[in-house]
Structures are given as C-alpha cells and as structure tokens.
Amino acid sequence: MKLAPIVERLTLELPQLRKVGGAPDIPGAELAFKQAPAAFVLPLAETAEPNELESGALSQFVLVRFGVLWAVANLRDPSGEAAQTDLESLRVAGQAALLGWQPDETMEPCEFAAGQLLQVSDRVLWWQDMFVTGFYLRKT
C-alpha cells in the first residue's frame, strides 16, 4: 500500500502539524525534535484472506494496517498535562481526517483499530494509532 496519500491527507487536514512524514523520517527525530507536533505514517501489516475463486483466477481481500505515530512536545511539564491535551486534540483531528476516507479508489474506507502509548520522555510523548483499510487483489 502506498502511504503517500495518507501523509498528504494529514498534511492538508491538520495544519497544526509542523512535520508530517514517514518511517524514514523517524530516526533521530527525538534528538533534534524542534517541530512539535508531528505525525509519521508507518506500514504495520497486511493480511490476505483465502482466494475466493477457482481455476487459476484470484480474488483475495487484503486487510492493510497502518500506524500514525504522533509526537507532541513534553518540555518542562512535569505533570505531562499539556502534552496529553495536545495529543488528545491531534488524535481527534487525525481520526476526523482518516475515518471513512479512502486512500484511493481501490481501497476500502479507513477504520480505527487501536491506539497505544509508546514512550514518554522529558522531551516527547509518542503515541501510535492504528488504522485499517483494505483492497482486493485480483488476477483473472
């Protein structure tokens, strides 16, 4: 699955993000974290259902999981309340942008699957939301 349409969607729909990127943009992001808040779109998994056809033809539904890794600043806030408030606002906006939206005409609308805290440091709070979509892989 191409992730560029998701990056573009988040860039357009969430102008409060100072950085939107993909997996290659993550290494070193916390060390040089000057662009809070940020989002990174990651491929997570693809799972195919069994072929629905016979006689050499192929029709499989492929469930695609992708993550949006949110990064919000957690500077000089011992309670972390400001970062949590910023994170909640971003997640709500991100879900509004992605839920029910189709990355392209061959894909199913996006659905929310799960979310989890990944890491909290004195600089950055990292949270990942997982979304699912899917498509049919066909060969006749």
Protein backbone atom coordinates (compact mmCIF):
# COMPACT_ATOMS: atom_id res chain seq x y z
CA MET A 1 0.00 0.00 0.00
CA LYS A 2 1.21 3.47 -0.83
CA LEU A 3 1.36 5.68 2.25
CA ALA A 4 1.88 9.00 0.42
CA PRO A 5 -1.89 9.69 0.16
CA ILE A 6 -2.20 9.36 3.94
CA VAL A 7 0.74 11.71 4.51
CA GLU A 8 -0.87 14.19 2.10
CA ARG A 9 -4.26 13.89 3.81
CA LEU A 10 -2.81 14.58 7.25
CA THR A 11 -0.76 17.48 5.89
CA LEU A 12 -3.87 19.08 4.36
CA GLU A 13 -6.32 18.36 7.17
CA LEU A 14 -4.10 19.08 10.18
CA PRO A 15 -2.36 22.41 9.58
CA GLN A 16 -1.28 22.46 13.25
CA LEU A 17 1.26 19.73 12.47
CA ARG A 18 4.71 21.15 11.94
CA LYS A 19 6.03 17.89 10.47
CA VAL A 20 4.32 15.03 8.65
CA GLY A 21 6.45 12.21 7.32
CA GLY A 22 7.01 8.50 7.02
CA ALA A 23 9.19 5.86 8.61
CA PRO A 24 12.45 7.22 7.12
CA ASP A 25 11.87 10.49 8.98
CA ILE A 26 11.73 8.92 12.46
CA PRO A 27 15.38 8.06 13.30
CA GLY A 28 16.87 10.89 15.27
CA ALA A 29 13.55 12.73 15.43
CA GLU A 30 13.56 12.99 19.21
CA LEU A 31 17.17 14.19 19.41
CA ALA A 32 16.51 17.05 17.02
CA PHE A 33 12.87 17.48 17.96
CA LYS A 34 12.11 21.05 17.07
CA GLN A 35 9.00 20.52 15.00
CA ALA A 36 6.31 19.64 17.53
CA PRO A 37 3.70 18.45 16.99
CA ALA A 38 4.45 15.86 14.32
CA ALA A 39 2.95 12.75 12.74
CA PHE A 40 4.66 9.86 10.99
CA VAL A 41 2.77 7.34 8.86
CA LEU A 42 4.04 3.77 9.10
CA PRO A 43 3.17 0.50 7.36
CA LEU A 44 2.30 -2.08 10.03
CA ALA A 45 0.92 -5.24 8.44
CA GLU A 46 -1.02 -6.78 5.58
CA THR A 47 -3.13 -9.92 5.96
CA ALA A 48 -4.75 -11.68 3.00
CA GLU A 49 -7.89 -13.80 3.15
CA PRO A 50 -8.01 -17.05 1.15
CA ASN A 51 -8.64 -16.93 -2.58
CA GLU A 52 -12.36 -16.76 -3.38
CA LEU A 53 -12.08 -18.09 -6.95
CA GLU A 54 -11.12 -21.33 -8.68
CA SER A 55 -9.49 -22.35 -11.96
CA GLY A 56 -6.35 -20.24 -11.66
CA ALA A 57 -8.21 -16.97 -11.09
CA LEU A 58 -7.51 -14.99 -7.95
CA SER A 59 -9.60 -12.73 -5.73
CA GLN A 60 -8.28 -12.08 -2.24
CA PHE A 61 -9.20 -9.37 0.21
CA VAL A 62 -6.09 -7.85 1.77
CA LEU A 63 -6.52 -6.13 5.14
CA VAL A 64 -3.96 -3.33 5.50
CA ARG A 65 -2.90 -1.94 8.86
CA PHE A 66 -1.05 1.35 9.07
CA GLY A 67 0.01 3.46 12.00
CA VAL A 68 0.08 7.15 12.68
CA LEU A 69 2.82 7.89 15.17
CA TRP A 70 2.02 11.14 16.96
CA ALA A 71 4.79 13.13 18.64
CA VAL A 72 3.97 16.02 20.95
CA ALA A 73 6.35 18.14 22.98
CA ASN A 74 6.68 17.33 26.65
CA LEU A 75 9.14 20.06 27.60
CA ARG A 76 9.30 21.44 31.12
CA ASP A 77 5.91 19.98 32.07
CA PRO A 78 6.42 17.60 34.99
CA SER A 79 2.76 16.53 35.05
CA GLY A 80 2.59 15.95 31.28
CA GLU A 81 -0.87 17.54 31.17
CA ALA A 82 -0.08 19.92 28.32
CA ALA A 83 1.31 17.08 26.19
CA GLN A 84 -1.75 14.93 26.94
CA THR A 85 -4.08 17.76 25.94
CA ASP A 86 -2.14 18.35 22.72
CA LEU A 87 -2.15 14.62 21.97
CA GLU A 88 -5.90 14.30 22.52
CA SER A 89 -6.56 17.22 20.17
CA LEU A 90 -4.32 15.73 17.47
CA ARG A 91 -5.87 12.28 17.76
CA VAL A 92 -9.39 13.68 17.42
CA ALA A 93 -8.37 15.72 14.37
CA GLY A 94 -6.49 12.75 12.88
CA GLN A 95 -9.47 10.47 13.30
CA ALA A 96 -11.76 13.08 11.73
CA ALA A 97 -9.39 13.25 8.74
CA LEU A 98 -8.99 9.50 8.26
CA LEU A 99 -12.15 7.70 9.42
CA GLY A 100 -14.32 6.81 6.44
CA TRP A 101 -11.79 8.27 3.98
CA GLN A 102 -10.45 6.14 1.11
CA PRO A 103 -6.71 6.48 0.37
CA ASP A 104 -7.52 5.78 -3.29
CA GLU A 105 -10.40 4.40 -5.35
CA THR A 106 -9.27 0.79 -4.92
CA MET A 107 -9.13 0.95 -1.11
CA GLU A 108 -11.85 0.49 1.48
CA PRO A 109 -12.65 3.41 3.82
CA CYS A 110 -10.29 3.69 6.79
CA GLU A 111 -11.36 2.48 10.22
CA PHE A 112 -9.79 2.94 13.64
CA ALA A 113 -8.31 -0.26 15.11
CA ALA A 114 -6.28 0.60 18.23
CA GLY A 115 -4.05 3.12 19.94
CA GLN A 116 -1.23 2.87 22.43
CA LEU A 117 1.34 4.90 24.30
CA LEU A 118 4.81 4.08 23.00
CA GLN A 119 7.11 6.29 25.03
CA VAL A 120 7.25 9.34 27.23
CA SER A 121 10.45 11.23 27.84
CA ASP A 122 11.19 14.66 29.21
CA ARG A 123 11.11 15.92 25.61
CA VAL A 124 8.46 14.00 23.66
CA LEU A 125 5.31 11.97 24.18
CA TRP A 126 4.96 9.29 21.46
CA TRP A 127 1.58 7.67 20.75
CA GLN A 128 0.62 5.34 17.91
CA ASP A 129 -2.86 4.96 16.46
CA MET A 130 -3.52 2.01 14.17
CA PHE A 131 -5.97 2.22 11.29
CA VAL A 132 -7.18 -0.44 8.87
CA THR A 133 -8.25 -0.35 5.26
CA GLY A 134 -8.18 -2.99 2.56
CA PHE A 135 -8.31 -3.85 -1.10
CA TYR A 136 -8.94 -6.78 -3.40
CA LEU A 137 -6.01 -8.46 -5.06
CA ARG A 138 -7.31 -9.88 -8.32
CA LYS A 139 -5.93 -11.86 -11.24
CA THR A 140 -8.06 -13.46 -13.93
